[in-house]
């Protein structure tokens, strides 16, 4: 049953989720970008309804004019890696 492992359908109130950076591309032909948008929106909605603020980011990074990754220009690969490393370091409170 797909509902058992669907990230979208298993978002629960009262759960303290970790910081998340969901990465997608606007022209991905394998994973429809809308799924990432829905997941981020659901997480933000459920967290915002709670009386206790979570205080951590739930973000989406949408690469424009890109697909699933194959053939991505070097500049876009570097930009994506820089964003991922910055997100991780910021959420681990690493000083540099």
Protein backbone atom coordinates (compact mmCIF):
# COMPACT_ATOMS: atom_id res chain seq x y z
CA UNK A 1 0.00 0.00 0.00
CA UNK A 2 1.55 3.29 -1.13
CA UNK A 3 0.11 5.24 1.80
CA UNK A 4 2.46 3.42 4.19
CA UNK A 5 5.59 4.97 2.66
CA UNK A 6 4.25 8.15 1.06
CA UNK A 7 6.10 11.12 2.62
CA UNK A 8 3.19 13.42 1.83
CA UNK A 9 0.55 11.25 3.47
CA UNK A 10 2.60 10.55 6.58
CA UNK A 11 3.17 14.11 7.78
CA UNK A 12 1.85 14.20 11.34
CA UNK A 13 1.11 17.02 13.75
CA UNK A 14 3.15 17.05 16.93
CA UNK A 15 6.24 15.55 15.30
CA UNK A 16 9.45 17.56 15.55
CA UNK A 17 10.82 17.33 12.02
CA UNK A 18 14.48 18.00 11.21
CA UNK A 19 15.53 20.92 9.04
CA UNK A 20 14.81 20.02 5.42
CA UNK A 21 15.93 21.28 2.05
CA UNK A 22 13.94 19.54 -0.66
CA UNK A 23 15.60 19.87 -4.04
CA UNK A 24 13.74 19.64 -7.33
CA UNK A 25 13.88 20.99 -10.87
CA UNK A 26 11.12 22.64 -12.83
CA UNK A 27 11.58 20.35 -15.84
CA UNK A 28 12.17 17.02 -14.07
CA UNK A 29 10.56 14.31 -16.19
CA UNK A 30 11.08 11.51 -13.62
CA UNK A 31 9.84 13.07 -10.41
CA UNK A 32 7.08 15.59 -10.96
CA UNK A 33 8.13 18.85 -9.20
CA UNK A 34 4.59 19.28 -7.88
CA UNK A 35 5.21 16.38 -5.47
CA UNK A 36 8.02 18.32 -3.79
CA UNK A 37 5.90 21.48 -3.67
CA UNK A 38 3.02 19.56 -2.05
CA UNK A 39 5.31 17.93 0.50
CA UNK A 40 6.88 21.22 1.57
CA UNK A 41 3.47 22.90 1.73
CA UNK A 42 2.03 20.08 3.84
CA UNK A 43 4.99 20.14 6.25
CA UNK A 44 4.76 23.92 6.62
CA UNK A 45 0.98 23.76 7.07
CA UNK A 46 1.04 21.04 9.72
CA UNK A 47 3.93 22.65 11.59
CA UNK A 48 2.26 26.09 11.51
CA UNK A 49 -0.98 24.66 12.95
CA UNK A 50 0.83 23.41 16.03
CA UNK A 51 0.85 25.55 19.14
CA UNK A 52 4.58 25.04 19.54
CA UNK A 53 6.72 26.63 16.88
CA UNK A 54 9.31 24.30 15.49
CA UNK A 55 11.91 26.95 14.76
CA UNK A 56 13.72 25.09 11.97
CA UNK A 57 13.49 25.62 8.22
CA UNK A 58 11.49 23.51 5.80
CA UNK A 59 12.63 24.82 2.41
CA UNK A 60 12.46 23.95 -1.26
CA UNK A 61 15.20 24.61 -3.79
CA UNK A 62 13.82 24.67 -7.32
CA UNK A 63 16.37 24.58 -10.10
CA UNK A 64 15.08 26.40 -13.18
CA UNK A 65 15.54 25.17 -16.72
CA UNK A 66 16.82 21.83 -15.45
CA UNK A 67 15.68 18.23 -15.31
CA UNK A 68 16.55 15.18 -13.23
CA UNK A 69 20.28 15.88 -13.15
CA UNK A 70 21.86 14.17 -16.15
CA UNK A 71 23.59 16.69 -18.37
CA UNK A 72 23.37 19.49 -15.83
CA UNK A 73 25.93 22.23 -16.54
CA UNK A 74 28.88 22.44 -14.14
CA UNK A 75 27.77 25.87 -12.90
CA UNK A 76 24.41 24.47 -11.78
CA UNK A 77 26.09 21.49 -10.09
CA UNK A 78 28.36 23.84 -8.16
CA UNK A 79 25.48 26.15 -7.20
CA UNK A 80 23.41 23.21 -5.93
CA UNK A 81 26.32 21.77 -3.93
CA UNK A 82 27.06 25.19 -2.41
CA UNK A 83 23.40 25.59 -1.37
CA UNK A 84 23.33 22.10 0.17
CA UNK A 85 26.58 22.60 2.11
CA UNK A 86 25.48 26.05 3.33
CA UNK A 87 22.13 24.65 4.45
CA UNK A 88 23.76 21.79 6.37
CA UNK A 89 26.43 24.00 7.96
CA UNK A 90 23.89 26.67 8.95
CA UNK A 91 21.62 24.10 10.56
CA UNK A 92 24.50 22.48 12.43
CA UNK A 93 25.49 25.96 13.66
CA UNK A 94 29.00 25.59 12.25
CA UNK A 95 31.06 28.77 12.41
CA UNK A 96 33.40 29.39 9.49
